[in-house]
Amino acid sequence: QVQLVESWGGLVQAGGSLRLSCAASGSFFSISTMEWYRQAPGNQRDLVAQLIRGGSTNYADSVKGRFTISRDNAKNTVYLQMNSLKPEDTAVYYCRVVVNTGRYLEVWGQGTLVTVSS
């Protein structure tokens, strides 16, 4: 069984920074895709940032230049560094990874609330 544990989000003022982490544990051979999504109240869950094995990254237009996704392979952890936060970044943030257990398996984190005050 593979589990993801996300760090605590929290409350931050507009213009501030916050780093989220998401650690994978369990039995798997490798991690391919690592992603962060977010879901604001009443909205659908949207992709924020994506890190594909090999190092390619993709970002939602709304966070380009402000957010950075990275990974620590030794710790099986993905990070989301969020700078210049805006009130519209307020949402529950979820990490998602695709792991190879012999077959490819999609796993979601439990979600963590990030609130940005104006």
C-alpha atoms as a PDB file:
ATOM      1  CA  GLN A   1       0.000   0.000   0.000  1.00  0.00           C
ATOM      2  CA  VAL A   2       1.256   3.465  -0.889  1.00  0.00           C
ATOM      3  CA  GLN A   3       0.411   6.518   1.193  1.00  0.00           C
ATOM      4  CA  LEU A   4       1.006  10.241   0.827  1.00  0.00           C
ATOM      5  CA  VAL A   5       1.360  12.544   3.795  1.00  0.00           C
ATOM      6  CA  GLU A   6       1.060  16.258   3.165  1.00  0.00           C
ATOM      7  CA  SER A   7       2.436  18.982   5.382  1.00  0.00           C
ATOM      8  CA  TRP A   8       0.187  21.416   7.151  1.00  0.00           C
ATOM      9  CA  GLY A   9      -0.875  24.420   5.057  1.00  0.00           C
ATOM     10  CA  GLY A  10      -2.035  27.297   7.176  1.00  0.00           C
ATOM     11  CA  LEU A  11      -2.812  30.980   7.076  1.00  0.00           C
ATOM     12  CA  VAL A  12      -0.543  33.475   5.355  1.00  0.00           C
ATOM     13  CA  GLN A  13      -0.889  37.128   4.405  1.00  0.00           C
ATOM     14  CA  ALA A  14      -1.063  38.212   0.802  1.00  0.00           C
ATOM     15  CA  GLY A  15       2.424  38.597  -0.609  1.00  0.00           C
ATOM     16  CA  GLY A  16       3.784  35.956   1.708  1.00  0.00           C
ATOM     17  CA  SER A  17       5.288  32.556   1.033  1.00  0.00           C
ATOM     18  CA  LEU A  18       4.548  29.006   2.026  1.00  0.00           C
ATOM     19  CA  ARG A  19       6.075  25.641   1.178  1.00  0.00           C
ATOM     20  CA  LEU A  20       4.036  22.473   1.045  1.00  0.00           C
ATOM     21  CA  SER A  21       5.517  19.010   1.111  1.00  0.00           C
ATOM     22  CA  CYS A  22       4.118  15.605   0.284  1.00  0.00           C
ATOM     23  CA  ALA A  23       5.975  12.439   1.237  1.00  0.00           C
ATOM     24  CA  ALA A  24       5.283   9.043  -0.280  1.00  0.00           C
ATOM     25  CA  SER A  25       5.735   5.855   1.705  1.00  0.00           C
ATOM     26  CA  GLY A  26       5.051   2.208   1.104  1.00  0.00           C
ATOM     27  CA  SER A  27       6.139  -0.379  -1.387  1.00  0.00           C
ATOM     28  CA  PHE A  28       6.877   0.836  -4.896  1.00  0.00           C
ATOM     29  CA  PHE A  29       9.723   0.735  -7.383  1.00  0.00           C
ATOM     30  CA  SER A  30       9.663   4.315  -8.547  1.00  0.00           C
ATOM     31  CA  ILE A  31       7.619   7.483  -8.807  1.00  0.00           C
ATOM     32  CA  SER A  32       6.898   8.917 -12.208  1.00  0.00           C
ATOM     33  CA  THR A  33       4.609  11.916 -12.177  1.00  0.00           C
ATOM     34  CA  MET A  34       4.254  14.180  -9.145  1.00  0.00           C
ATOM     35  CA  GLU A  35       1.600  16.878  -9.149  1.00  0.00           C
ATOM     36  CA  TRP A  36      -0.173  19.455  -7.025  1.00  0.00           C
ATOM     37  CA  TYR A  37      -3.841  20.288  -7.454  1.00  0.00           C
ATOM     38  CA  ARG A  38      -6.060  22.723  -5.639  1.00  0.00           C
ATOM     39  CA  GLN A  39      -9.755  23.082  -5.033  1.00  0.00           C
ATOM     40  CA  ALA A  40     -11.422  26.259  -3.855  1.00  0.00           C
ATOM     41  CA  PRO A  41     -14.940  26.134  -2.363  1.00  0.00           C
ATOM     42  CA  GLY A  42     -17.515  25.610  -5.084  1.00  0.00           C
ATOM     43  CA  ASN A  43     -14.873  25.005  -7.715  1.00  0.00           C
ATOM     44  CA  GLN A  44     -13.481  21.934  -9.412  1.00  0.00           C
ATOM     45  CA  ARG A  45     -10.095  20.508  -8.568  1.00  0.00           C
ATOM     46  CA  ASP A  46      -7.504  22.028 -10.902  1.00  0.00           C
ATOM     47  CA  LEU A  47      -3.932  21.146 -11.712  1.00  0.00           C
ATOM     48  CA  VAL A  48      -1.485  23.679 -10.285  1.00  0.00           C
ATOM     49  CA  ALA A  49       1.923  22.183 -11.018  1.00  0.00           C
ATOM     50  CA  GLN A  50       3.310  19.029 -12.529  1.00  0.00           C
ATOM     51  CA  LEU A  51       6.740  17.430 -12.375  1.00  0.00           C
ATOM     52  CA  ILE A  52       7.342  14.585 -14.748  1.00  0.00           C
ATOM     53  CA  ARG A  53      10.136  12.051 -14.307  1.00  0.00           C
ATOM     54  CA  GLY A  54      13.037  13.441 -16.265  1.00  0.00           C
ATOM     55  CA  GLY A  55      12.536  16.884 -14.843  1.00  0.00           C
ATOM     56  CA  SER A  56       9.925  18.512 -17.059  1.00  0.00           C
ATOM     57  CA  THR A  57       7.562  20.875 -15.255  1.00  0.00           C
ATOM     58  CA  ASN A  58       4.233  22.427 -16.135  1.00  0.00           C
ATOM     59  CA  TYR A  59       2.328  25.134 -14.298  1.00  0.00           C
ATOM     60  CA  ALA A  60      -1.127  26.632 -14.418  1.00  0.00           C
ATOM     61  CA  ASP A  61      -1.011  30.099 -15.947  1.00  0.00           C
ATOM     62  CA  SER A  62      -2.307  31.590 -12.703  1.00  0.00           C
ATOM     63  CA  VAL A  63       0.768  30.477 -10.743  1.00  0.00           C
ATOM     64  CA  LYS A  64       3.565  30.739 -13.297  1.00  0.00           C
ATOM     65  CA  GLY A  65       6.483  32.717 -11.940  1.00  0.00           C
ATOM     66  CA  ARG A  66       5.194  32.431  -8.374  1.00  0.00           C
ATOM     67  CA  PHE A  67       5.051  28.700  -7.606  1.00  0.00           C
ATOM     68  CA  THR A  68       7.820  26.124  -8.008  1.00  0.00           C
ATOM     69  CA  ILE A  69       7.454  22.361  -7.868  1.00  0.00           C
ATOM     70  CA  SER A  70      10.441  20.230  -6.948  1.00  0.00           C
ATOM     71  CA  ARG A  71      11.228  16.774  -5.660  1.00  0.00           C
ATOM     72  CA  ASP A  72      13.693  15.033  -3.382  1.00  0.00           C
ATOM     73  CA  ASN A  73      14.126  11.551  -4.778  1.00  0.00           C
ATOM     74  CA  ALA A  74      15.968  10.289  -1.714  1.00  0.00           C
ATOM     75  CA  LYS A  75      13.007  11.222   0.464  1.00  0.00           C
ATOM     76  CA  ASN A  76      10.287  10.406  -2.077  1.00  0.00           C
ATOM     77  CA  THR A  77       8.948  13.862  -1.433  1.00  0.00           C
ATOM     78  CA  VAL A  78       7.489  16.535  -3.662  1.00  0.00           C
ATOM     79  CA  TYR A  79       7.424  20.195  -2.672  1.00  0.00           C
ATOM     80  CA  LEU A  80       5.431  23.209  -3.760  1.00  0.00           C
ATOM     81  CA  GLN A  81       7.083  26.530  -3.005  1.00  0.00           C
ATOM     82  CA  MET A  82       4.475  29.266  -3.184  1.00  0.00           C
ATOM     83  CA  ASN A  83       5.614  32.878  -3.306  1.00  0.00           C
ATOM     84  CA  SER A  84       3.774  36.166  -3.740  1.00  0.00           C
ATOM     85  CA  LEU A  85       0.599  34.516  -2.538  1.00  0.00           C
ATOM     86  CA  LYS A  86      -2.738  36.080  -3.394  1.00  0.00           C
ATOM     87  CA  PRO A  87      -6.160  35.687  -1.758  1.00  0.00           C
ATOM     88  CA  GLU A  88      -7.306  33.795  -4.865  1.00  0.00           C
ATOM     89  CA  ASP A  89      -4.722  31.116  -4.057  1.00  0.00           C
ATOM     90  CA  THR A  90      -6.864  30.128  -1.074  1.00  0.00           C
ATOM     91  CA  ALA A  91      -7.859  26.485  -1.539  1.00  0.00           C
ATOM     92  CA  VAL A  92      -7.326  22.949  -0.365  1.00  0.00           C
ATOM     93  CA  TYR A  93      -4.132  21.704  -1.977  1.00  0.00           C
ATOM     94  CA  TYR A  94      -3.736  18.043  -2.902  1.00  0.00           C
ATOM     95  CA  CYS A  95      -0.674  16.190  -4.077  1.00  0.00           C
ATOM     96  CA  ARG A  96      -0.990  13.358  -6.543  1.00  0.00           C
ATOM     97  CA  VAL A  97       1.669  10.893  -7.596  1.00  0.00           C
ATOM     98  CA  VAL A  98       1.848   8.007 -10.004  1.00  0.00           C
ATOM     99  CA  VAL A  99       3.956   5.182  -8.653  1.00  0.00           C
ATOM    100  CA  ASN A 100       5.204   1.970 -10.212  1.00  0.00           C
ATOM    101  CA  THR A 101       4.352  -1.009  -8.026  1.00  0.00           C
ATOM    102  CA  GLY A 102       4.654  -3.456 -10.865  1.00  0.00           C
ATOM    103  CA  ARG A 103       1.748  -1.629 -12.372  1.00  0.00           C
ATOM    104  CA  TYR A 104       1.141   2.104 -12.372  1.00  0.00           C
ATOM    105  CA  LEU A 105      -0.913   3.331  -9.446  1.00  0.00           C
ATOM    106  CA  GLU A 106      -2.403   6.771  -8.818  1.00  0.00           C
ATOM    107  CA  VAL A 107      -2.297   7.994  -5.226  1.00  0.00           C
ATOM    108  CA  TRP A 108      -3.749  11.181  -3.696  1.00  0.00           C
ATOM    109  CA  GLY A 109      -2.780  13.031  -0.559  1.00  0.00           C
ATOM    110  CA  GLN A 110      -5.318  13.951   2.094  1.00  0.00           C
ATOM    111  CA  GLY A 111      -5.368  17.625   1.182  1.00  0.00           C
ATOM    112  CA  THR A 112      -4.210  20.633   3.152  1.00  0.00           C
ATOM    113  CA  LEU A 113      -5.908  24.010   3.473  1.00  0.00           C
ATOM    114  CA  VAL A 114      -4.022  27.134   2.482  1.00  0.00           C
ATOM    115  CA  THR A 115      -5.698  30.420   3.361  1.00  0.00           C
ATOM    116  CA  VAL A 116      -4.323  33.705   2.076  1.00  0.00           C
ATOM    117  CA  SER A 117      -5.640  36.811   3.783  1.00  0.00           C
ATOM    118  CA  SER A 118      -5.804  40.195   2.111  1.00  0.00           C
END
